[in-house]
Amino acid sequence: MKIVFLDAKSIGEDIDLSGFEQLGEVERYDYSNSEEAAQRTEDADVLVLNKVLVNQDTIGNAKNLKLVCVTATGTNNLDKEYLQRQGIAWRNVAGYSTESVAQHTFAMLFYLLEHLPYYDQYVKSEKYVEDRMFTHFDRKFSEISGMTWGIIGMGAIGRRVAEIATLFGCHVIYYSTTGKNRQPNYESVSLEHLLERSDIVSVHAPLTKETENLMDQQAFSRMKKSAVFLNLGRGPIVSEQALAKALNDGEIRAAGLDVLCAEPMTRENPLRSIKDSDKLLITPHIAWASLEARTRLMQIILEQIREFFQ
């Protein structure tokens, strides 16, 4: 068996992949564009990839290919109709990053809510050195206990965030983007009511026709001026132009994003011009990527390959 990793760099160099070598020959490539993928897949039995497109152009020459494994939950990069016609199976992985994404959600919230960039700079600029008073709290912040936390997307990650938010004393309300996820422990509301009532809004939904551009200018205008917005779902759920306007106009207090419409970030992104870290925090799609989550992910992929060929 020949296993080809087309974008192994997306997994990280700190993850042990020796288990795959026990199954057969392994070829690893840090990155692959479409032309390179077409060459590198010719004699592969199994492909392991994250974002590489899988279609007739990229695997049309693959004469032995039996299985495509996506090291992610989303499978928008797969031409599933083509794979079905060719008799090629595919697998993805769900649930591996729930704890990691939930943790990052709260890390982003507290960074913004407690004005940590401001206070960090206050001390590092030495304004606190021999200051007149032992404390300094010019940027006021509040406890999240008693706040209303609105969650858009009540899948596994949304539910885990809801559980933790409840422990902090928040009142959790949610909007199910599919209408299928019913959680009796939390209050289900319309999107409009969620935006109007919430002190914190976090997105944990997949990208679908229904969620694309869900957070547009009208949506941000409904939110409280004191609200913090977090997107840990998919970038295109948010109109970045509308978010930039909302932040610049003071329609919301702050925003934290781990996902963007185009990744990596493009020069044309309207959020590039906002340099105030007290207002906007962007992390480069890392919420899923704790060491434990990546290890868990690759162990699941390994077991999927074993199971398929057994």
C-alpha atoms as a PDB file:
ATOM      1  CA  MET A   1       0.000   0.000   0.000  1.00  0.00           C
ATOM      2  CA  LYS A   2       1.204   3.506  -0.806  1.00  0.00           C
ATOM      3  CA  ILE A   3      -0.024   6.389   1.374  1.00  0.00           C
ATOM      4  CA  VAL A   4       0.606   9.930   0.115  1.00  0.00           C
ATOM      5  CA  PHE A   5       0.320  13.008   2.355  1.00  0.00           C
ATOM      6  CA  LEU A   6      -0.311  15.964   0.046  1.00  0.00           C
ATOM      7  CA  ASP A   7      -0.116  18.812   2.612  1.00  0.00           C
ATOM      8  CA  ALA A   8       1.542  17.303   5.675  1.00  0.00           C
ATOM      9  CA  LYS A   9       2.608  20.734   6.902  1.00  0.00           C
ATOM     10  CA  SER A  10      -1.019  21.389   7.874  1.00  0.00           C
ATOM     11  CA  ILE A  11      -0.788  18.613  10.466  1.00  0.00           C
ATOM     12  CA  GLY A  12       2.415  19.903  12.049  1.00  0.00           C
ATOM     13  CA  GLU A  13       5.893  18.478  12.299  1.00  0.00           C
ATOM     14  CA  ASP A  14       5.427  17.616  15.983  1.00  0.00           C
ATOM     15  CA  ILE A  15       2.919  14.814  15.353  1.00  0.00           C
ATOM     16  CA  ASP A  16       4.163  11.204  15.247  1.00  0.00           C
ATOM     17  CA  LEU A  17       3.130   9.642  11.941  1.00  0.00           C
ATOM     18  CA  SER A  18       5.188   6.454  12.301  1.00  0.00           C
ATOM     19  CA  GLY A  19       2.030   4.360  12.607  1.00  0.00           C
ATOM     20  CA  PHE A  20       1.281   4.993   8.935  1.00  0.00           C
ATOM     21  CA  GLU A  21       4.649   3.513   7.962  1.00  0.00           C
ATOM     22  CA  GLN A  22       3.536   0.206   9.480  1.00  0.00           C
ATOM     23  CA  LEU A  23       0.763   0.044   6.894  1.00  0.00           C
ATOM     24  CA  GLY A  24       2.950   0.541   3.830  1.00  0.00           C
ATOM     25  CA  GLU A  25       5.066   3.007   1.887  1.00  0.00           C
ATOM     26  CA  VAL A  26       4.561   6.636   2.920  1.00  0.00           C
ATOM     27  CA  GLU A  27       5.326   9.759   0.878  1.00  0.00           C
ATOM     28  CA  ARG A  28       4.979  13.160   2.549  1.00  0.00           C
ATOM     29  CA  TYR A  29       4.778  16.538   0.858  1.00  0.00           C
ATOM     30  CA  ASP A  30       4.533  19.771   2.840  1.00  0.00           C
ATOM     31  CA  TYR A  31       2.289  21.406   0.234  1.00  0.00           C
ATOM     32  CA  SER A  32       0.798  20.433  -3.139  1.00  0.00           C
ATOM     33  CA  ASN A  33      -0.845  22.592  -5.760  1.00  0.00           C
ATOM     34  CA  SER A  34      -3.213  21.054  -8.306  1.00  0.00           C
ATOM     35  CA  GLU A  35      -0.486  20.307 -10.850  1.00  0.00           C
ATOM     36  CA  GLU A  36       1.764  18.709  -8.237  1.00  0.00           C
ATOM     37  CA  ALA A  37      -1.122  16.712  -6.817  1.00  0.00           C
ATOM     38  CA  ALA A  38      -1.858  15.248 -10.259  1.00  0.00           C
ATOM     39  CA  GLN A  39       1.715  13.907 -10.423  1.00  0.00           C
ATOM     40  CA  ARG A  40       2.013  12.785  -6.811  1.00  0.00           C
ATOM     41  CA  THR A  41      -1.214  10.770  -6.782  1.00  0.00           C
ATOM     42  CA  GLU A  42      -0.556   8.630  -9.853  1.00  0.00           C
ATOM     43  CA  ASP A  43       0.375   5.458  -7.943  1.00  0.00           C
ATOM     44  CA  ALA A  44      -1.171   6.220  -4.544  1.00  0.00           C
ATOM     45  CA  ASP A  45      -3.587   3.813  -2.857  1.00  0.00           C
ATOM     46  CA  VAL A  46      -4.498   6.300  -0.107  1.00  0.00           C
ATOM     47  CA  LEU A  47      -4.410  10.102  -0.008  1.00  0.00           C
ATOM     48  CA  VAL A  48      -4.225  12.063   3.239  1.00  0.00           C
ATOM     49  CA  LEU A  49      -4.910  15.775   2.849  1.00  0.00           C
ATOM     50  CA  ASN A  50      -6.521  18.809   4.363  1.00  0.00           C
ATOM     51  CA  LYS A  51      -7.236  21.576   1.837  1.00  0.00           C
ATOM     52  CA  VAL A  52      -5.962  20.163  -1.466  1.00  0.00           C
ATOM     53  CA  LEU A  53      -8.714  19.990  -4.097  1.00  0.00           C
ATOM     54  CA  VAL A  54      -9.726  16.457  -5.063  1.00  0.00           C
ATOM     55  CA  ASN A  55     -11.288  16.279  -8.515  1.00  0.00           C
ATOM     56  CA  GLN A  56     -10.627  14.928 -11.978  1.00  0.00           C
ATOM     57  CA  ASP A  57      -7.804  17.422 -12.550  1.00  0.00           C
ATOM     58  CA  THR A  58      -5.906  16.439  -9.404  1.00  0.00           C
ATOM     59  CA  ILE A  59      -6.521  12.673  -9.235  1.00  0.00           C
ATOM     60  CA  GLY A  60      -7.510  11.845 -12.812  1.00  0.00           C
ATOM     61  CA  ASN A  61      -4.255   9.943 -13.327  1.00  0.00           C
ATOM     62  CA  ALA A  62      -4.523   7.950 -10.091  1.00  0.00           C
ATOM     63  CA  LYS A  63      -4.850   4.359 -11.249  1.00  0.00           C
ATOM     64  CA  ASN A  64      -4.664   2.664  -7.812  1.00  0.00           C
ATOM     65  CA  LEU A  65      -6.512   5.149  -5.616  1.00  0.00           C
ATOM     66  CA  LYS A  66      -9.013   3.565  -3.233  1.00  0.00           C
ATOM     67  CA  LEU A  67      -9.405   5.968  -0.307  1.00  0.00           C
ATOM     68  CA  VAL A  68      -9.170   9.733   0.333  1.00  0.00           C
ATOM     69  CA  CYS A  69      -8.825  10.829   3.985  1.00  0.00           C
ATOM     70  CA  VAL A  70      -9.508  14.457   4.876  1.00  0.00           C
ATOM     71  CA  THR A  71      -7.767  15.642   8.051  1.00  0.00           C
ATOM     72  CA  ALA A  72     -10.705  17.899   8.903  1.00  0.00           C
ATOM     73  CA  THR A  73     -14.470  17.901   9.304  1.00  0.00           C
ATOM     74  CA  GLY A  74     -15.248  20.004   6.234  1.00  0.00           C
ATOM     75  CA  THR A  75     -15.169  18.275   2.843  1.00  0.00           C
ATOM     76  CA  ASN A  76     -15.879  21.190   0.492  1.00  0.00           C
ATOM     77  CA  ASN A  77     -12.630  20.404  -1.330  1.00  0.00           C
ATOM     78  CA  LEU A  78     -13.874  16.972  -2.494  1.00  0.00           C
ATOM     79  CA  ASP A  79     -15.693  16.394  -5.772  1.00  0.00           C
ATOM     80  CA  LYS A  80     -17.810  13.633  -4.273  1.00  0.00           C
ATOM     81  CA  GLU A  81     -19.691  12.882  -7.486  1.00  0.00           C
ATOM     82  CA  TYR A  82     -16.412  12.234  -9.279  1.00  0.00           C
ATOM     83  CA  LEU A  83     -15.163  10.051  -6.423  1.00  0.00           C
ATOM     84  CA  GLN A  84     -18.375   8.034  -6.518  1.00  0.00           C
ATOM     85  CA  ARG A  85     -18.133   7.511 -10.277  1.00  0.00           C
ATOM     86  CA  GLN A  86     -14.566   6.290  -9.838  1.00  0.00           C
ATOM     87  CA  GLY A  87     -15.443   4.004  -6.941  1.00  0.00           C
ATOM     88  CA  ILE A  88     -13.122   5.862  -4.574  1.00  0.00           C
ATOM     89  CA  ALA A  89     -14.135   6.074  -0.909  1.00  0.00           C
ATOM     90  CA  TRP A  90     -13.582   9.107   1.298  1.00  0.00           C
ATOM     91  CA  ARG A  91     -13.445   9.758   5.013  1.00  0.00           C
ATOM     92  CA  ASN A  92     -13.408  12.881   7.175  1.00  0.00           C
ATOM     93  CA  VAL A  93     -13.079  13.367  10.936  1.00  0.00           C
ATOM     94  CA  ALA A  94     -15.542  15.006  13.317  1.00  0.00           C
ATOM     95  CA  GLY A  95     -15.377  15.677  17.036  1.00  0.00           C
ATOM     96  CA  TYR A  96     -11.603  15.650  17.429  1.00  0.00           C
ATOM     97  CA  SER A  97     -11.275  19.384  18.164  1.00  0.00           C
ATOM     98  CA  THR A  98     -14.274  20.126  20.375  1.00  0.00           C
ATOM     99  CA  GLU A  99     -12.274  20.819  23.541  1.00  0.00           C
ATOM    100  CA  SER A 100      -9.609  22.767  21.661  1.00  0.00           C
ATOM    101  CA  VAL A 101     -12.082  25.095  19.916  1.00  0.00           C
ATOM    102  CA  ALA A 102     -14.119  25.629  23.081  1.00  0.00           C
ATOM    103  CA  GLN A 103     -10.960  26.560  24.982  1.00  0.00           C
ATOM    104  CA  HIS A 104      -9.885  29.009  22.282  1.00  0.00           C
ATOM    105  CA  THR A 105     -13.343  30.589  22.321  1.00  0.00           C
ATOM    106  CA  PHE A 106     -12.905  31.570  25.961  1.00  0.00           C
ATOM    107  CA  ALA A 107      -9.273  32.613  25.446  1.00  0.00           C
ATOM    108  CA  MET A 108     -10.398  35.088  22.782  1.00  0.00           C
ATOM    109  CA  LEU A 109     -13.308  36.333  24.860  1.00  0.00           C
ATOM    110  CA  PHE A 110     -11.260  37.131  27.955  1.00  0.00           C
ATOM    111  CA  TYR A 111      -8.487  38.737  25.903  1.00  0.00           C
ATOM    112  CA  LEU A 112     -11.042  41.198  24.533  1.00  0.00           C
ATOM    113  CA  LEU A 113     -13.461  41.498  27.428  1.00  0.00           C
ATOM    114  CA  GLU A 114     -10.835  42.326  30.053  1.00  0.00           C
ATOM    115  CA  HIS A 115      -8.867  44.663  27.746  1.00  0.00           C
ATOM    116  CA  LEU A 116      -5.753  42.524  28.194  1.00  0.00           C
ATOM    117  CA  PRO A 117      -3.857  44.167  25.292  1.00  0.00           C
ATOM    118  CA  TYR A 118      -4.257  47.551  26.990  1.00  0.00           C
ATOM    119  CA  TYR A 119      -3.181  46.347  30.448  1.00  0.00           C
ATOM    120  CA  ASP A 120      -0.266  44.345  29.065  1.00  0.00           C
ATOM    121  CA  GLN A 121       1.003  47.404  27.219  1.00  0.00           C
ATOM    122  CA  TYR A 122       0.390  49.612  30.264  1.00  0.00           C
ATOM    123  CA  VAL A 123       2.839  47.549  32.295  1.00  0.00           C
ATOM    124  CA  LYS A 124       5.373  46.930  29.507  1.00  0.00           C
ATOM    125  CA  SER A 125       5.502  50.635  28.668  1.00  0.00           C
ATOM    126  CA  GLU A 126       6.612  51.109  32.314  1.00  0.00           C
ATOM    127  CA  LYS A 127       3.738  53.389  33.194  1.00  0.00           C
ATOM    128  CA  TYR A 128       3.136  51.058  36.139  1.00  0.00           C
ATOM    129  CA  VAL A 129       6.708  51.442  37.394  1.00  0.00           C
ATOM    130  CA  GLU A 130       6.565  53.534  40.590  1.00  0.00           C
ATOM    131  CA  ASP A 131       2.976  54.488  39.785  1.00  0.00           C
ATOM    132  CA  ARG A 132       1.048  56.444  42.437  1.00  0.00           C
ATOM    133  CA  MET A 133      -1.446  53.648  43.126  1.00  0.00           C
ATOM    134  CA  PHE A 134      -1.208  49.850  43.410  1.00  0.00           C
ATOM    135  CA  THR A 135      -3.980  49.336  40.865  1.00  0.00           C
ATOM    136  CA  HIS A 136      -5.012  50.795  37.530  1.00  0.00           C
ATOM    137  CA  PHE A 137      -8.372  50.079  35.934  1.00  0.00           C
ATOM    138  CA  ASP A 138      -9.012  52.847  33.433  1.00  0.00           C
ATOM    139  CA  ARG A 139     -10.468  50.332  30.983  1.00  0.00           C
ATOM    140  CA  LYS A 140     -13.508  48.976  32.784  1.00  0.00           C
ATOM    141  CA  PHE A 141     -14.597  45.363  32.359  1.00  0.00           C
ATOM    142  CA  SER A 142     -17.400  43.237  33.742  1.00  0.00           C
ATOM    143  CA  GLU A 143     -17.878  39.710  34.978  1.00  0.00           C
ATOM    144  CA  ILE A 144     -19.561  37.393  32.492  1.00  0.00           C
ATOM    145  CA  SER A 145     -21.676  35.942  35.288  1.00  0.00           C
ATOM    146  CA  GLY A 146     -25.188  37.197  34.617  1.00  0.00           C
ATOM    147  CA  MET A 147     -24.472  38.021  30.956  1.00  0.00           C
ATOM    148  CA  THR A 148     -26.466  36.553  28.089  1.00  0.00           C
ATOM    149  CA  TRP A 149     -24.363  34.418  25.747  1.00  0.00           C
ATOM    150  CA  GLY A 150     -25.867  33.790  22.316  1.00  0.00           C
ATOM    151  CA  ILE A 151     -24.588  30.782  20.392  1.00  0.00           C
ATOM    152  CA  ILE A 152     -25.099  30.426  16.651  1.00  0.00           C
ATOM    153  CA  GLY A 153     -24.782  26.757  15.750  1.00  0.00           C
ATOM    154  CA  MET A 154     -25.553  24.210  18.460  1.00  0.00           C
ATOM    155  CA  GLY A 155     -23.491  21.251  17.330  1.00  0.00           C
ATOM    156  CA  ALA A 156     -20.875  19.540  19.508  1.00  0.00           C
ATOM    157  CA  ILE A 157     -18.696  22.647  19.860  1.00  0.00           C
ATOM    158  CA  GLY A 158     -21.635  24.981  20.455  1.00  0.00           C
ATOM    159  CA  ARG A 159     -22.948  22.659  23.169  1.00  0.00           C
ATOM    160  CA  ARG A 160     -19.547  22.486  24.868  1.00  0.00           C
ATOM    161  CA  VAL A 161     -19.241  26.285  24.854  1.00  0.00           C
ATOM    162  CA  ALA A 162     -22.765  26.473  26.302  1.00  0.00           C
ATOM    163  CA  GLU A 163     -21.827  24.092  29.126  1.00  0.00           C
ATOM    164  CA  ILE A 164     -18.740  26.107  30.067  1.00  0.00           C
ATOM    165  CA  ALA A 165     -20.524  29.454  29.747  1.00  0.00           C
ATOM    166  CA  THR A 166     -23.212  28.166  32.108  1.00  0.00           C
ATOM    167  CA  LEU A 167     -20.551  27.284  34.678  1.00  0.00           C
ATOM    168  CA  PHE A 168     -19.379  30.898  34.483  1.00  0.00           C
ATOM    169  CA  GLY A 169     -22.924  32.001  35.301  1.00  0.00           C
ATOM    170  CA  CYS A 170     -24.069  33.048  31.830  1.00  0.00           C
ATOM    171  CA  HIS A 171     -27.598  32.705  30.560  1.00  0.00           C
ATOM    172  CA  VAL A 172     -27.231  30.809  27.289  1.00  0.00           C
ATOM    173  CA  ILE A 173     -29.564  31.262  24.343  1.00  0.00           C
ATOM    174  CA  TYR A 174     -29.038  29.749  20.925  1.00  0.00           C
ATOM    175  CA  TYR A 175     -30.052  29.854  17.285  1.00  0.00           C
ATOM    176  CA  SER A 176     -29.938  26.559  15.397  1.00  0.00           C
ATOM    177  CA  THR A 177     -28.951  27.332  11.807  1.00  0.00           C
ATOM    178  CA  THR A 178     -30.484  24.058  10.607  1.00  0.00           C
ATOM    179  CA  GLY A 179     -33.440  23.980  12.979  1.00  0.00           C
ATOM    180  CA  LYS A 180     -32.508  20.400  13.843  1.00  0.00           C
ATOM    181  CA  ASN A 181     -30.403  20.838  16.974  1.00  0.00           C
ATOM    182  CA  ARG A 182     -32.799  21.095  19.891  1.00  0.00           C
ATOM    183  CA  GLN A 183     -31.237  21.531  23.310  1.00  0.00           C
ATOM    184  CA  PRO A 184     -33.831  21.525  26.103  1.00  0.00           C
ATOM    185  CA  ASN A 185     -31.333  22.882  28.655  1.00  0.00           C
ATOM    186  CA  TYR A 186     -31.011  26.163  26.742  1.00  0.00           C
ATOM    187  CA  GLU A 187     -33.419  28.715  25.291  1.00  0.00           C
ATOM    188  CA  SER A 188     -33.970  28.514  21.536  1.00  0.00           C
ATOM    189  CA  VAL A 189     -34.570  31.916  19.893  1.00  0.00           C
ATOM    190  CA  SER A 190     -34.656  33.511  16.468  1.00  0.00           C
ATOM    191  CA  LEU A 191     -31.461  35.006  15.110  1.00  0.00           C
ATOM    192  CA  GLU A 192     -32.889  38.514  15.499  1.00  0.00           C
ATOM    193  CA  HIS A 193     -33.706  37.986  19.173  1.00  0.00           C
ATOM    194  CA  LEU A 194     -30.322  36.401  19.821  1.00  0.00           C
ATOM    195  CA  LEU A 195     -28.456  39.375  18.363  1.00  0.00           C
ATOM    196  CA  GLU A 196     -30.576  41.923  20.218  1.00  0.00           C
ATOM    197  CA  ARG A 197     -30.344  40.227  23.631  1.00  0.00           C
ATOM    198  CA  SER A 198     -26.798  38.855  23.750  1.00  0.00           C
ATOM    199  CA  ASP A 199     -23.795  40.403  25.485  1.00  0.00           C
ATOM    200  CA  ILE A 200     -21.584  37.791  23.831  1.00  0.00           C
ATOM    201  CA  VAL A 201     -22.275  36.179  20.453  1.00  0.00           C
ATOM    202  CA  SER A 202     -20.214  33.222  19.275  1.00  0.00           C
ATOM    203  CA  VAL A 203     -20.514  31.388  15.958  1.00  0.00           C
ATOM    204  CA  HIS A 204     -19.881  27.634  15.826  1.00  0.00           C
ATOM    205  CA  ALA A 205     -21.850  26.750  12.691  1.00  0.00           C
ATOM    206  CA  PRO A 206     -20.742  25.082   9.453  1.00  0.00           C
ATOM    207  CA  LEU A 207     -20.735  26.971   6.167  1.00  0.00           C
ATOM    208  CA  THR A 208     -23.927  26.279   4.215  1.00  0.00           C
ATOM    209  CA  LYS A 209     -26.167  28.189   1.835  1.00  0.00           C
ATOM    210  CA  GLU A 210     -28.175  29.242   4.879  1.00  0.00           C
ATOM    211  CA  THR A 211     -25.200  30.495   6.914  1.00  0.00           C
ATOM    212  CA  GLU A 212     -23.163  32.236   4.207  1.00  0.00           C
ATOM    213  CA  ASN A 213     -23.135  35.993   4.957  1.00  0.00           C
ATOM    214  CA  LEU A 214     -25.464  35.353   7.891  1.00  0.00           C
ATOM    215  CA  MET A 215     -23.681  38.094   9.826  1.00  0.00           C
ATOM    216  CA  ASP A 216     -24.132  41.053   7.514  1.00  0.00           C
ATOM    217  CA  GLN A 217     -24.522  44.784   8.124  1.00  0.00           C
ATOM    218  CA  GLN A 218     -28.127  44.392   9.260  1.00  0.00           C
ATOM    219  CA  ALA A 219     -27.152  41.663  11.711  1.00  0.00           C
ATOM    220  CA  PHE A 220     -24.396  43.709  13.342  1.00  0.00           C
ATOM    221  CA  SER A 221     -26.704  46.722  13.591  1.00  0.00           C
ATOM    222  CA  ARG A 222     -29.038  44.651  15.782  1.00  0.00           C
ATOM    223  CA  MET A 223     -26.345  43.890  18.352  1.00  0.00           C
ATOM    224  CA  LYS A 224     -25.664  45.773  21.557  1.00  0.00           C
ATOM    225  CA  LYS A 225     -22.920  48.394  21.350  1.00  0.00           C
ATOM    226  CA  SER A 226     -21.295  46.678  24.336  1.00  0.00           C
ATOM    227  CA  ALA A 227     -21.374  43.207  22.722  1.00  0.00           C
ATOM    228  CA  VAL A 228     -18.385  41.011  21.914  1.00  0.00           C
ATOM    229  CA  PHE A 229     -18.619  38.950  18.717  1.00  0.00           C
ATOM    230  CA  LEU A 230     -16.639  35.744  18.144  1.00  0.00           C
ATOM    231  CA  ASN A 231     -16.444  33.641  14.981  1.00  0.00           C
ATOM    232  CA  LEU A 232     -14.980  30.163  15.347  1.00  0.00           C
ATOM    233  CA  GLY A 233     -17.151  28.587  12.657  1.00  0.00           C
ATOM    234  CA  ARG A 234     -16.290  29.445   9.064  1.00  0.00           C
ATOM    235  CA  GLY A 235     -15.088  32.756   7.627  1.00  0.00           C
ATOM    236  CA  PRO A 236     -17.741  33.338   4.945  1.00  0.00           C
ATOM    237  CA  ILE A 237     -20.486  33.228   7.587  1.00  0.00           C
ATOM    238  CA  VAL A 238     -19.407  36.819   8.305  1.00  0.00           C
ATOM    239  CA  SER A 239     -19.344  39.730   5.900  1.00  0.00           C
ATOM    240  CA  GLU A 240     -15.917  41.127   6.701  1.00  0.00           C
ATOM    241  CA  GLN A 241     -16.823  44.476   5.173  1.00  0.00           C
ATOM    242  CA  ALA A 242     -19.856  44.704   7.453  1.00  0.00           C
ATOM    243  CA  LEU A 243     -17.820  43.671  10.499  1.00  0.00           C
ATOM    244  CA  ALA A 244     -15.124  46.256   9.769  1.00  0.00           C
ATOM    245  CA  LYS A 245     -17.803  48.949   9.512  1.00  0.00           C
ATOM    246  CA  ALA A 246     -19.469  47.787  12.745  1.00  0.00           C
ATOM    247  CA  LEU A 247     -16.152  47.965  14.618  1.00  0.00           C
ATOM    248  CA  ASN A 248     -15.127  51.316  13.150  1.00  0.00           C
ATOM    249  CA  ASP A 249     -18.568  52.829  13.798  1.00  0.00           C
ATOM    250  CA  GLY A 250     -18.784  51.469  17.342  1.00  0.00           C
ATOM    251  CA  GLU A 251     -21.823  49.316  16.626  1.00  0.00           C
ATOM    252  CA  ILE A 252     -20.217  46.529  18.675  1.00  0.00           C
ATOM    253  CA  ARG A 253     -17.477  46.628  21.320  1.00  0.00           C
ATOM    254  CA  ALA A 254     -15.047  44.055  19.940  1.00  0.00           C
ATOM    255  CA  ALA A 255     -14.642  41.001  17.741  1.00  0.00           C
ATOM    256  CA  GLY A 256     -12.485  37.890  17.805  1.00  0.00           C
ATOM    257  CA  LEU A 257     -12.022  35.779  14.679  1.00  0.00           C
ATOM    258  CA  ASP A 258     -10.199  32.512  14.157  1.00  0.00           C
ATOM    259  CA  VAL A 259     -11.487  32.116  10.599  1.00  0.00           C
ATOM    260  CA  LEU A 260     -11.574  34.419   7.574  1.00  0.00           C
ATOM    261  CA  CYS A 261     -13.282  34.383   4.183  1.00  0.00           C
ATOM    262  CA  ALA A 262      -9.931  33.771   2.474  1.00  0.00           C
ATOM    263  CA  GLU A 263      -7.127  31.981   4.292  1.00  0.00           C
ATOM    264  CA  PRO A 264      -4.375  32.970   4.566  1.00  0.00           C
ATOM    265  CA  MET A 265      -5.480  36.588   4.879  1.00  0.00           C
ATOM    266  CA  THR A 266      -5.444  38.627   1.679  1.00  0.00           C
ATOM    267  CA  ARG A 267      -4.241  42.198   1.298  1.00  0.00           C
ATOM    268  CA  GLU A 268      -7.761  43.186   0.287  1.00  0.00           C
ATOM    269  CA  ASN A 269      -9.301  42.107   3.595  1.00  0.00           C
ATOM    270  CA  PRO A 270     -11.042  45.185   5.076  1.00  0.00           C
ATOM    271  CA  LEU A 271     -10.118  44.066   8.603  1.00  0.00           C
ATOM    272  CA  ARG A 272      -6.404  44.593   7.861  1.00  0.00           C
ATOM    273  CA  SER A 273      -6.721  48.290   8.607  1.00  0.00           C
ATOM    274  CA  ILE A 274      -7.950  47.755  12.176  1.00  0.00           C
ATOM    275  CA  LYS A 275      -4.798  47.649  14.312  1.00  0.00           C
ATOM    276  CA  ASP A 276      -6.416  48.171  17.711  1.00  0.00           C
ATOM    277  CA  SER A 277      -5.974  44.828  19.501  1.00  0.00           C
ATOM    278  CA  ASP A 278      -8.424  45.962  22.170  1.00  0.00           C
ATOM    279  CA  LYS A 279     -11.098  46.045  19.454  1.00  0.00           C
ATOM    280  CA  LEU A 280     -10.150  43.207  17.110  1.00  0.00           C
ATOM    281  CA  LEU A 281      -8.321  39.923  17.636  1.00  0.00           C
ATOM    282  CA  ILE A 282      -7.610  37.624  14.695  1.00  0.00           C
ATOM    283  CA  THR A 283      -5.840  34.300  15.111  1.00  0.00           C
ATOM    284  CA  PRO A 284      -4.662  32.309  12.046  1.00  0.00           C
ATOM    285  CA  HIS A 285      -7.151  29.411  12.169  1.00  0.00           C
ATOM    286  CA  ILE A 286      -5.562  27.786  15.213  1.00  0.00           C
ATOM    287  CA  ALA A 287      -8.544  26.978  17.442  1.00  0.00           C
ATOM    288  CA  TRP A 288      -8.634  23.361  16.220  1.00  0.00           C
ATOM    289  CA  ALA A 289      -4.893  22.848  16.486  1.00  0.00           C
ATOM    290  CA  SER A 290      -3.975  21.995  20.071  1.00  0.00           C
ATOM    291  CA  LEU A 291      -1.363  19.255  20.287  1.00  0.00           C
ATOM    292  CA  GLU A 292      -3.945  16.893  21.731  1.00  0.00           C
ATOM    293  CA  ALA A 293      -6.498  17.615  18.997  1.00  0.00           C
ATOM    294  CA  ARG A 294      -3.986  17.079  16.180  1.00  0.00           C
ATOM    295  CA  THR A 295      -2.745  13.854  17.776  1.00  0.00           C
ATOM    296  CA  ARG A 296      -6.326  12.644  18.153  1.00  0.00           C
ATOM    297  CA  LEU A 297      -7.076  13.594  14.549  1.00  0.00           C
ATOM    298  CA  MET A 298      -4.239  11.584  13.052  1.00  0.00           C
ATOM    299  CA  GLN A 299      -4.952   8.574  15.242  1.00  0.00           C
ATOM    300  CA  ILE A 300      -8.522   8.566  13.904  1.00  0.00           C
ATOM    301  CA  ILE A 301      -7.236   8.796  10.307  1.00  0.00           C
ATOM    302  CA  LEU A 302      -4.844   5.895  10.952  1.00  0.00           C
ATOM    303  CA  GLU A 303      -7.662   3.737  12.307  1.00  0.00           C
ATOM    304  CA  GLN A 304      -9.878   4.665   9.341  1.00  0.00           C
ATOM    305  CA  ILE A 305      -7.257   3.390   6.893  1.00  0.00           C
ATOM    306  CA  ARG A 306      -6.733   0.191   8.866  1.00  0.00           C
ATOM    307  CA  GLU A 307     -10.468  -0.453   9.064  1.00  0.00           C
ATOM    308  CA  PHE A 308     -10.998   0.247   5.366  1.00  0.00           C
ATOM    309  CA  PHE A 309      -8.398  -2.244   4.195  1.00  0.00           C
ATOM    310  CA  GLN A 310      -9.397  -4.883   6.714  1.00  0.00           C
END
